[in-house]
Amino acid sequence: MFEIYAIVFAVFGLCMGSFANVLIYRLPRQKSINFPPSSCPKCDHKLKFYHNIPVFSWFFLRAKCAFCNSKISPIYPLIEICSCALMLVSFFGECVDFIDVQSLFRAFALGVCLILLLALSLIDLEFKAVPDSLLFSALGFALLFAASEVFCEFDFSLIINSICLAIVFWLLRFILSATMKREAMGSADIFIAAIIGAILPLNLTLLAIYTAAVLTLPAYLIIRKKDYELAFVPFLSLGLVLVYIFKEEYINFIGFLYE
């Protein structure tokens, strides 16, 4: 049964990745995600259902539109593959020891949240802003993940952690903006901090934020543009994923430092 569940999560991740491609393209451009149906952005021809099979259609069509032969960016299958990987990361992270309704629910909520964070990160990189609807959806799935502990174990620690992180980031944004006399942080960062707090315990939450801050250093060195607004959502999201995957290594490293 473990292998069957893993396959189901992998296939669902691919489908979510295909949907994420729609979100990434349409939401920032204020287009409906339902209508019109999927079509080629070059020739505007409506696509057949077999043109939208995650990953496989891209290879089957040889990375070209079936109607106008315009090139299809490899970013589409890469997002689908990454979404599949994130769904499997969630499944193995929550269900590797024991599979029950709670662990499957937690894996599902976490996987969808991480895929939405992937979409938010790519949108933020291009537009330096994220859609509120997508941001609130990611937060909603993160809170569902945290709420599972409330209903099953009466443990409010992740919910409290999420609220506290949001307050801390809001205060940090207020203080920095007042000091620098301009907006120092995006409001989306507050929600991403709340998402991290809803998924990781406090010690790992702080490590995820620290990891995100460290990852920005090479980016700043490469850019070196005065007053350039660096998108922080991708780094916070990557910090969350890295700490979630390697949480044992992070914990062991901290223990090694304090020996």
C-alpha atoms as a PDB file:
ATOM      1  CA  MET A   1       0.000   0.000   0.000  1.00  0.00           C
ATOM      2  CA  PHE A   2       2.903   2.350   0.693  1.00  0.00           C
ATOM      3  CA  GLU A   3       4.034   2.198  -2.956  1.00  0.00           C
ATOM      4  CA  ILE A   4       0.469   2.741  -4.199  1.00  0.00           C
ATOM      5  CA  TYR A   5       0.035   5.835  -2.034  1.00  0.00           C
ATOM      6  CA  ALA A   6       3.411   7.132  -3.250  1.00  0.00           C
ATOM      7  CA  ILE A   7       2.333   6.721  -6.882  1.00  0.00           C
ATOM      8  CA  VAL A   8      -0.980   8.469  -6.195  1.00  0.00           C
ATOM      9  CA  PHE A   9       0.835  11.405  -4.578  1.00  0.00           C
ATOM     10  CA  ALA A  10       3.328  11.557  -7.457  1.00  0.00           C
ATOM     11  CA  VAL A  11       0.583  11.641 -10.108  1.00  0.00           C
ATOM     12  CA  PHE A  12      -1.354  14.211  -8.109  1.00  0.00           C
ATOM     13  CA  GLY A  13       1.816  16.303  -7.851  1.00  0.00           C
ATOM     14  CA  LEU A  14       2.229  16.259 -11.632  1.00  0.00           C
ATOM     15  CA  CYS A  15      -1.389  17.360 -12.080  1.00  0.00           C
ATOM     16  CA  MET A  16      -0.942  20.095  -9.482  1.00  0.00           C
ATOM     17  CA  GLY A  17       2.173  21.209 -11.343  1.00  0.00           C
ATOM     18  CA  SER A  18       0.161  21.522 -14.542  1.00  0.00           C
ATOM     19  CA  PHE A  19      -2.409  23.592 -12.660  1.00  0.00           C
ATOM     20  CA  ALA A  20       0.400  25.652 -11.119  1.00  0.00           C
ATOM     21  CA  ASN A  21       1.535  26.565 -14.645  1.00  0.00           C
ATOM     22  CA  VAL A  22      -1.932  27.986 -15.267  1.00  0.00           C
ATOM     23  CA  LEU A  23      -1.815  29.950 -12.004  1.00  0.00           C
ATOM     24  CA  ILE A  24       1.657  31.324 -12.706  1.00  0.00           C
ATOM     25  CA  TYR A  25       0.698  32.568 -16.154  1.00  0.00           C
ATOM     26  CA  ARG A  26      -2.857  33.797 -15.602  1.00  0.00           C
ATOM     27  CA  LEU A  27      -3.122  35.205 -12.071  1.00  0.00           C
ATOM     28  CA  PRO A  28      -0.484  37.972 -12.400  1.00  0.00           C
ATOM     29  CA  ARG A  29      -2.116  38.997 -15.664  1.00  0.00           C
ATOM     30  CA  GLN A  30      -5.522  39.095 -13.959  1.00  0.00           C
ATOM     31  CA  LYS A  31      -6.974  36.417 -16.207  1.00  0.00           C
ATOM     32  CA  SER A  32      -9.527  33.798 -15.196  1.00  0.00           C
ATOM     33  CA  ILE A  33      -8.057  30.399 -14.348  1.00  0.00           C
ATOM     34  CA  ASN A  34     -11.185  28.685 -15.692  1.00  0.00           C
ATOM     35  CA  PHE A  35     -12.005  30.481 -18.934  1.00  0.00           C
ATOM     36  CA  PRO A  36     -10.987  30.388 -21.682  1.00  0.00           C
ATOM     37  CA  PRO A  37      -9.719  26.774 -21.843  1.00  0.00           C
ATOM     38  CA  SER A  38      -6.001  26.132 -22.274  1.00  0.00           C
ATOM     39  CA  SER A  39      -4.663  27.464 -25.550  1.00  0.00           C
ATOM     40  CA  CYS A  40      -1.355  28.236 -27.208  1.00  0.00           C
ATOM     41  CA  PRO A  41      -0.174  31.722 -26.152  1.00  0.00           C
ATOM     42  CA  LYS A  42       1.273  32.267 -29.648  1.00  0.00           C
ATOM     43  CA  CYS A  43      -1.501  31.178 -32.024  1.00  0.00           C
ATOM     44  CA  ASP A  44      -4.325  31.130 -29.447  1.00  0.00           C
ATOM     45  CA  HIS A  45      -5.493  27.723 -30.705  1.00  0.00           C
ATOM     46  CA  LYS A  46      -7.443  25.678 -28.161  1.00  0.00           C
ATOM     47  CA  LEU A  47      -5.427  22.701 -26.953  1.00  0.00           C
ATOM     48  CA  LYS A  48      -6.692  19.124 -26.936  1.00  0.00           C
ATOM     49  CA  PHE A  49      -6.763  17.182 -23.672  1.00  0.00           C
ATOM     50  CA  TYR A  50      -3.798  15.064 -24.769  1.00  0.00           C
ATOM     51  CA  HIS A  51      -1.757  18.236 -25.249  1.00  0.00           C
ATOM     52  CA  ASN A  52      -2.014  18.899 -21.504  1.00  0.00           C
ATOM     53  CA  ILE A  53      -0.711  15.626 -20.071  1.00  0.00           C
ATOM     54  CA  PRO A  54       1.930  16.707 -17.542  1.00  0.00           C
ATOM     55  CA  VAL A  55       5.542  16.282 -18.731  1.00  0.00           C
ATOM     56  CA  PHE A  56       4.690  13.623 -21.337  1.00  0.00           C
ATOM     57  CA  SER A  57       2.944  16.037 -23.730  1.00  0.00           C
ATOM     58  CA  TRP A  58       6.004  18.274 -23.802  1.00  0.00           C
ATOM     59  CA  PHE A  59       8.200  15.380 -24.927  1.00  0.00           C
ATOM     60  CA  PHE A  60       5.533  13.948 -27.230  1.00  0.00           C
ATOM     61  CA  LEU A  61       5.130  17.304 -28.975  1.00  0.00           C
ATOM     62  CA  ARG A  62       8.932  17.744 -29.052  1.00  0.00           C
ATOM     63  CA  ALA A  63       8.614  21.026 -27.168  1.00  0.00           C
ATOM     64  CA  LYS A  64       6.575  22.615 -29.973  1.00  0.00           C
ATOM     65  CA  CYS A  65       2.967  23.681 -30.366  1.00  0.00           C
ATOM     66  CA  ALA A  66       0.957  21.094 -32.314  1.00  0.00           C
ATOM     67  CA  PHE A  67      -0.632  23.849 -34.418  1.00  0.00           C
ATOM     68  CA  CYS A  68       1.884  26.625 -35.045  1.00  0.00           C
ATOM     69  CA  ASN A  69       5.164  24.840 -34.175  1.00  0.00           C
ATOM     70  CA  SER A  70       6.218  27.630 -31.813  1.00  0.00           C
ATOM     71  CA  LYS A  71       8.584  26.486 -29.097  1.00  0.00           C
ATOM     72  CA  ILE A  72       7.209  25.482 -25.695  1.00  0.00           C
ATOM     73  CA  SER A  73       9.418  26.575 -22.814  1.00  0.00           C
ATOM     74  CA  PRO A  74      11.009  23.769 -20.755  1.00  0.00           C
ATOM     75  CA  ILE A  75       9.908  25.679 -17.646  1.00  0.00           C
ATOM     76  CA  TYR A  76       6.488  24.020 -17.938  1.00  0.00           C
ATOM     77  CA  PRO A  77       7.623  20.391 -17.505  1.00  0.00           C
ATOM     78  CA  LEU A  78      10.220  21.507 -14.945  1.00  0.00           C
ATOM     79  CA  ILE A  79       7.476  23.029 -12.773  1.00  0.00           C
ATOM     80  CA  GLU A  80       5.449  19.830 -13.111  1.00  0.00           C
ATOM     81  CA  ILE A  81       8.445  17.687 -12.128  1.00  0.00           C
ATOM     82  CA  CYS A  82       9.253  19.968  -9.181  1.00  0.00           C
ATOM     83  CA  SER A  83       5.619  19.808  -8.049  1.00  0.00           C
ATOM     84  CA  CYS A  84       5.740  16.014  -8.214  1.00  0.00           C
ATOM     85  CA  ALA A  85       8.940  16.053  -6.147  1.00  0.00           C
ATOM     86  CA  LEU A  86       7.410  18.389  -3.543  1.00  0.00           C
ATOM     87  CA  MET A  87       4.364  16.141  -3.223  1.00  0.00           C
ATOM     88  CA  LEU A  88       6.614  13.127  -2.686  1.00  0.00           C
ATOM     89  CA  VAL A  89       8.732  15.056  -0.177  1.00  0.00           C
ATOM     90  CA  SER A  90       5.549  15.729   1.793  1.00  0.00           C
ATOM     91  CA  PHE A  91       4.405  12.114   1.533  1.00  0.00           C
ATOM     92  CA  PHE A  92       7.708  10.605   2.645  1.00  0.00           C
ATOM     93  CA  GLY A  93       8.110  13.248   5.338  1.00  0.00           C
ATOM     94  CA  GLU A  94       4.707  12.576   6.921  1.00  0.00           C
ATOM     95  CA  CYS A  95       3.984   8.934   6.063  1.00  0.00           C
ATOM     96  CA  VAL A  96       7.353   7.171   6.135  1.00  0.00           C
ATOM     97  CA  ASP A  97       6.834   5.743   9.649  1.00  0.00           C
ATOM     98  CA  PHE A  98       3.094   5.120   9.700  1.00  0.00           C
ATOM     99  CA  ILE A  99       0.232   5.678   7.283  1.00  0.00           C
ATOM    100  CA  ASP A 100      -3.133   6.705   8.676  1.00  0.00           C
ATOM    101  CA  VAL A 101      -5.776   9.302   7.889  1.00  0.00           C
ATOM    102  CA  GLN A 102      -3.968  12.043   9.809  1.00  0.00           C
ATOM    103  CA  SER A 103      -0.583  11.465   8.158  1.00  0.00           C
ATOM    104  CA  LEU A 104      -2.141  11.317   4.678  1.00  0.00           C
ATOM    105  CA  PHE A 105      -4.093  14.505   5.353  1.00  0.00           C
ATOM    106  CA  ARG A 106      -0.967  16.269   6.634  1.00  0.00           C
ATOM    107  CA  ALA A 107       1.038  15.097   3.602  1.00  0.00           C
ATOM    108  CA  PHE A 108      -1.682  16.284   1.219  1.00  0.00           C
ATOM    109  CA  ALA A 109      -2.050  19.712   2.867  1.00  0.00           C
ATOM    110  CA  LEU A 110       1.710  20.207   3.056  1.00  0.00           C
ATOM    111  CA  GLY A 111       2.294  19.094  -0.535  1.00  0.00           C
ATOM    112  CA  VAL A 112      -0.321  21.469  -1.948  1.00  0.00           C
ATOM    113  CA  CYS A 113       1.057  24.293   0.205  1.00  0.00           C
ATOM    114  CA  LEU A 114       4.609  23.734  -1.080  1.00  0.00           C
ATOM    115  CA  ILE A 115       3.428  23.662  -4.700  1.00  0.00           C
ATOM    116  CA  LEU A 116       1.563  26.927  -4.168  1.00  0.00           C
ATOM    117  CA  LEU A 117       4.743  28.375  -2.654  1.00  0.00           C
ATOM    118  CA  LEU A 118       6.588  27.299  -5.799  1.00  0.00           C
ATOM    119  CA  ALA A 119       4.045  29.177  -7.901  1.00  0.00           C
ATOM    120  CA  LEU A 120       4.273  32.218  -5.626  1.00  0.00           C
ATOM    121  CA  SER A 121       8.069  32.189  -5.826  1.00  0.00           C
ATOM    122  CA  LEU A 122       8.142  32.175  -9.618  1.00  0.00           C
ATOM    123  CA  ILE A 123       5.532  34.929  -9.803  1.00  0.00           C
ATOM    124  CA  ASP A 124       7.450  37.014  -7.262  1.00  0.00           C
ATOM    125  CA  LEU A 125      10.687  36.609  -9.211  1.00  0.00           C
ATOM    126  CA  GLU A 126       9.084  37.976 -12.380  1.00  0.00           C
ATOM    127  CA  PHE A 127       6.589  40.534 -11.087  1.00  0.00           C
ATOM    128  CA  LYS A 128       7.987  41.465  -7.628  1.00  0.00           C
ATOM    129  CA  ALA A 129       4.449  40.948  -6.301  1.00  0.00           C
ATOM    130  CA  VAL A 130       2.201  37.976  -5.620  1.00  0.00           C
ATOM    131  CA  PRO A 131      -1.564  37.461  -6.022  1.00  0.00           C
ATOM    132  CA  ASP A 132      -3.429  37.648  -2.718  1.00  0.00           C
ATOM    133  CA  SER A 133      -5.684  34.744  -3.672  1.00  0.00           C
ATOM    134  CA  LEU A 134      -2.713  32.437  -4.138  1.00  0.00           C
ATOM    135  CA  LEU A 135      -1.017  33.688  -0.981  1.00  0.00           C
ATOM    136  CA  PHE A 136      -4.139  33.155   1.139  1.00  0.00           C
ATOM    137  CA  SER A 137      -4.621  29.684  -0.353  1.00  0.00           C
ATOM    138  CA  ALA A 138      -1.071  28.676   0.596  1.00  0.00           C
ATOM    139  CA  LEU A 139      -1.627  29.986   4.118  1.00  0.00           C
ATOM    140  CA  GLY A 140      -4.929  28.109   4.304  1.00  0.00           C
ATOM    141  CA  PHE A 141      -3.315  24.763   3.478  1.00  0.00           C
ATOM    142  CA  ALA A 142      -0.490  25.467   5.945  1.00  0.00           C
ATOM    143  CA  LEU A 143      -3.048  26.138   8.677  1.00  0.00           C
ATOM    144  CA  LEU A 144      -4.883  22.924   7.745  1.00  0.00           C
ATOM    145  CA  PHE A 145      -1.571  21.128   8.245  1.00  0.00           C
ATOM    146  CA  ALA A 146      -1.197  22.740  11.674  1.00  0.00           C
ATOM    147  CA  ALA A 147      -4.868  22.194  12.568  1.00  0.00           C
ATOM    148  CA  SER A 148      -4.488  18.436  12.164  1.00  0.00           C
ATOM    149  CA  GLU A 149      -2.400  18.443  15.342  1.00  0.00           C
ATOM    150  CA  VAL A 150      -5.088  20.435  17.133  1.00  0.00           C
ATOM    151  CA  PHE A 151      -7.885  18.017  16.241  1.00  0.00           C
ATOM    152  CA  CYS A 152      -5.902  14.805  16.661  1.00  0.00           C
ATOM    153  CA  GLU A 153      -3.496  15.622  19.493  1.00  0.00           C
ATOM    154  CA  PHE A 154      -4.910  18.859  20.950  1.00  0.00           C
ATOM    155  CA  ASP A 155      -1.551  20.490  20.246  1.00  0.00           C
ATOM    156  CA  PHE A 156      -1.770  24.214  19.460  1.00  0.00           C
ATOM    157  CA  SER A 157       1.988  24.795  19.183  1.00  0.00           C
ATOM    158  CA  LEU A 158       2.108  25.177  15.393  1.00  0.00           C
ATOM    159  CA  ILE A 159      -0.907  27.504  15.332  1.00  0.00           C
ATOM    160  CA  ILE A 160       0.663  29.672  18.049  1.00  0.00           C
ATOM    161  CA  ASN A 161       3.997  29.546  16.250  1.00  0.00           C
ATOM    162  CA  SER A 162       2.363  30.744  13.022  1.00  0.00           C
ATOM    163  CA  ILE A 163       0.645  33.672  14.734  1.00  0.00           C
ATOM    164  CA  CYS A 164       3.798  34.704  16.592  1.00  0.00           C
ATOM    165  CA  LEU A 165       5.924  34.619  13.423  1.00  0.00           C
ATOM    166  CA  ALA A 166       3.389  36.764  11.581  1.00  0.00           C
ATOM    167  CA  ILE A 167       3.411  39.326  14.410  1.00  0.00           C
ATOM    168  CA  VAL A 168       7.227  39.391  14.567  1.00  0.00           C
ATOM    169  CA  PHE A 169       7.540  39.918  10.819  1.00  0.00           C
ATOM    170  CA  TRP A 170       4.845  42.601  10.887  1.00  0.00           C
ATOM    171  CA  LEU A 171       6.713  44.468  13.638  1.00  0.00           C
ATOM    172  CA  LEU A 172      10.004  44.035  11.776  1.00  0.00           C
ATOM    173  CA  ARG A 173       8.434  45.434   8.617  1.00  0.00           C
ATOM    174  CA  PHE A 174       6.968  48.379  10.542  1.00  0.00           C
ATOM    175  CA  ILE A 175      10.262  49.210  12.288  1.00  0.00           C
ATOM    176  CA  LEU A 176      12.425  48.868   9.174  1.00  0.00           C
ATOM    177  CA  SER A 177      10.011  50.893   7.038  1.00  0.00           C
ATOM    178  CA  ALA A 178       9.872  53.653   9.661  1.00  0.00           C
ATOM    179  CA  THR A 179      13.670  53.691   9.991  1.00  0.00           C
ATOM    180  CA  MET A 180      14.419  53.656   6.267  1.00  0.00           C
ATOM    181  CA  LYS A 181      11.423  55.892   5.455  1.00  0.00           C
ATOM    182  CA  ARG A 182      10.301  53.533   2.703  1.00  0.00           C
ATOM    183  CA  GLU A 183       8.726  50.116   2.485  1.00  0.00           C
ATOM    184  CA  ALA A 184      11.463  47.735   3.599  1.00  0.00           C
ATOM    185  CA  MET A 185       9.625  44.430   3.298  1.00  0.00           C
ATOM    186  CA  GLY A 186       6.749  43.113   1.256  1.00  0.00           C
ATOM    187  CA  SER A 187       3.554  42.262   3.083  1.00  0.00           C
ATOM    188  CA  ALA A 188       3.701  38.821   1.446  1.00  0.00           C
ATOM    189  CA  ASP A 189       6.760  38.001   3.568  1.00  0.00           C
ATOM    190  CA  ILE A 190       4.563  38.214   6.673  1.00  0.00           C
ATOM    191  CA  PHE A 191       2.250  35.539   5.288  1.00  0.00           C
ATOM    192  CA  ILE A 192       5.164  33.331   4.205  1.00  0.00           C
ATOM    193  CA  ALA A 193       6.581  33.578   7.736  1.00  0.00           C
ATOM    194  CA  ALA A 194       3.180  32.508   9.096  1.00  0.00           C
ATOM    195  CA  ILE A 195       3.205  29.569   6.676  1.00  0.00           C
ATOM    196  CA  ILE A 196       6.663  28.483   7.839  1.00  0.00           C
ATOM    197  CA  GLY A 197       5.545  28.760  11.464  1.00  0.00           C
ATOM    198  CA  ALA A 198       2.491  26.596  10.768  1.00  0.00           C
ATOM    199  CA  ILE A 199       4.637  23.811   9.304  1.00  0.00           C
ATOM    200  CA  LEU A 200       7.836  23.760  11.366  1.00  0.00           C
ATOM    201  CA  PRO A 201       8.375  23.897  15.146  1.00  0.00           C
ATOM    202  CA  LEU A 202       9.903  27.098  16.484  1.00  0.00           C
ATOM    203  CA  ASN A 203      13.557  26.007  16.470  1.00  0.00           C
ATOM    204  CA  LEU A 204      13.329  24.793  12.875  1.00  0.00           C
ATOM    205  CA  THR A 205      11.315  27.867  11.870  1.00  0.00           C
ATOM    206  CA  LEU A 206      14.162  30.111  12.976  1.00  0.00           C
ATOM    207  CA  LEU A 207      16.613  27.917  11.067  1.00  0.00           C
ATOM    208  CA  ALA A 208      14.479  28.158   7.926  1.00  0.00           C
ATOM    209  CA  ILE A 209      14.424  31.960   8.136  1.00  0.00           C
ATOM    210  CA  TYR A 210      18.174  32.046   8.826  1.00  0.00           C
ATOM    211  CA  THR A 211      18.776  29.724   5.851  1.00  0.00           C
ATOM    212  CA  ALA A 212      16.675  32.011   3.649  1.00  0.00           C
ATOM    213  CA  ALA A 213      18.696  35.052   4.762  1.00  0.00           C
ATOM    214  CA  VAL A 214      21.984  33.283   4.024  1.00  0.00           C
ATOM    215  CA  LEU A 215      20.752  32.252   0.569  1.00  0.00           C
ATOM    216  CA  THR A 216      20.073  35.892  -0.317  1.00  0.00           C
ATOM    217  CA  LEU A 217      23.735  36.856   0.164  1.00  0.00           C
ATOM    218  CA  PRO A 218      25.001  35.354  -3.128  1.00  0.00           C
ATOM    219  CA  ALA A 219      22.016  36.907  -4.914  1.00  0.00           C
ATOM    220  CA  TYR A 220      22.902  40.370  -3.572  1.00  0.00           C
ATOM    221  CA  LEU A 221      26.541  39.886  -4.582  1.00  0.00           C
ATOM    222  CA  ILE A 222      25.500  38.948  -8.116  1.00  0.00           C
ATOM    223  CA  ILE A 223      22.980  41.760  -8.537  1.00  0.00           C
ATOM    224  CA  ARG A 224      24.837  44.616  -6.837  1.00  0.00           C
ATOM    225  CA  LYS A 225      22.211  47.135  -7.820  1.00  0.00           C
ATOM    226  CA  LYS A 226      21.448  50.012  -5.515  1.00  0.00           C
ATOM    227  CA  ASP A 227      17.860  50.021  -4.234  1.00  0.00           C
ATOM    228  CA  TYR A 228      17.128  46.797  -6.150  1.00  0.00           C
ATOM    229  CA  GLU A 229      14.131  45.049  -4.642  1.00  0.00           C
ATOM    230  CA  LEU A 230      15.108  41.405  -4.229  1.00  0.00           C
ATOM    231  CA  ALA A 231      12.181  38.987  -4.154  1.00  0.00           C
ATOM    232  CA  PHE A 232      12.310  37.329  -0.733  1.00  0.00           C
ATOM    233  CA  VAL A 233       9.409  34.871  -1.139  1.00  0.00           C
ATOM    234  CA  PRO A 234      11.521  32.372  -3.149  1.00  0.00           C
ATOM    235  CA  PHE A 235      14.256  32.366  -0.499  1.00  0.00           C
ATOM    236  CA  LEU A 236      11.827  31.917   2.397  1.00  0.00           C
ATOM    237  CA  SER A 237      10.104  29.101   0.522  1.00  0.00           C
ATOM    238  CA  LEU A 238      13.416  27.416  -0.292  1.00  0.00           C
ATOM    239  CA  GLY A 239      14.523  27.777   3.331  1.00  0.00           C
ATOM    240  CA  LEU A 240      11.332  26.040   4.449  1.00  0.00           C
ATOM    241  CA  VAL A 241      11.784  23.156   1.997  1.00  0.00           C
ATOM    242  CA  LEU A 242      15.462  22.647   2.841  1.00  0.00           C
ATOM    243  CA  VAL A 243      14.886  22.598   6.592  1.00  0.00           C
ATOM    244  CA  TYR A 244      11.874  20.298   6.239  1.00  0.00           C
ATOM    245  CA  ILE A 245      13.856  17.807   4.130  1.00  0.00           C
ATOM    246  CA  PHE A 246      17.058  17.966   6.160  1.00  0.00           C
ATOM    247  CA  LYS A 247      15.580  18.657   9.593  1.00  0.00           C
ATOM    248  CA  GLU A 248      17.524  15.810  11.226  1.00  0.00           C
ATOM    249  CA  GLU A 249      20.793  17.122   9.796  1.00  0.00           C
ATOM    250  CA  TYR A 250      19.965  20.640  10.976  1.00  0.00           C
ATOM    251  CA  ILE A 251      19.156  19.388  14.478  1.00  0.00           C
ATOM    252  CA  ASN A 252      22.350  17.307  14.607  1.00  0.00           C
ATOM    253  CA  PHE A 253      24.398  20.283  13.416  1.00  0.00           C
ATOM    254  CA  ILE A 254      22.982  22.500  16.166  1.00  0.00           C
ATOM    255  CA  GLY A 255      23.732  19.807  18.724  1.00  0.00           C
ATOM    256  CA  PHE A 256      27.287  19.593  17.406  1.00  0.00           C
ATOM    257  CA  LEU A 257      27.741  23.369  17.818  1.00  0.00           C
ATOM    258  CA  TYR A 258      26.677  23.272  21.463  1.00  0.00           C
ATOM    259  CA  GLU A 259      28.651  20.182  22.499  1.00  0.00           C
END
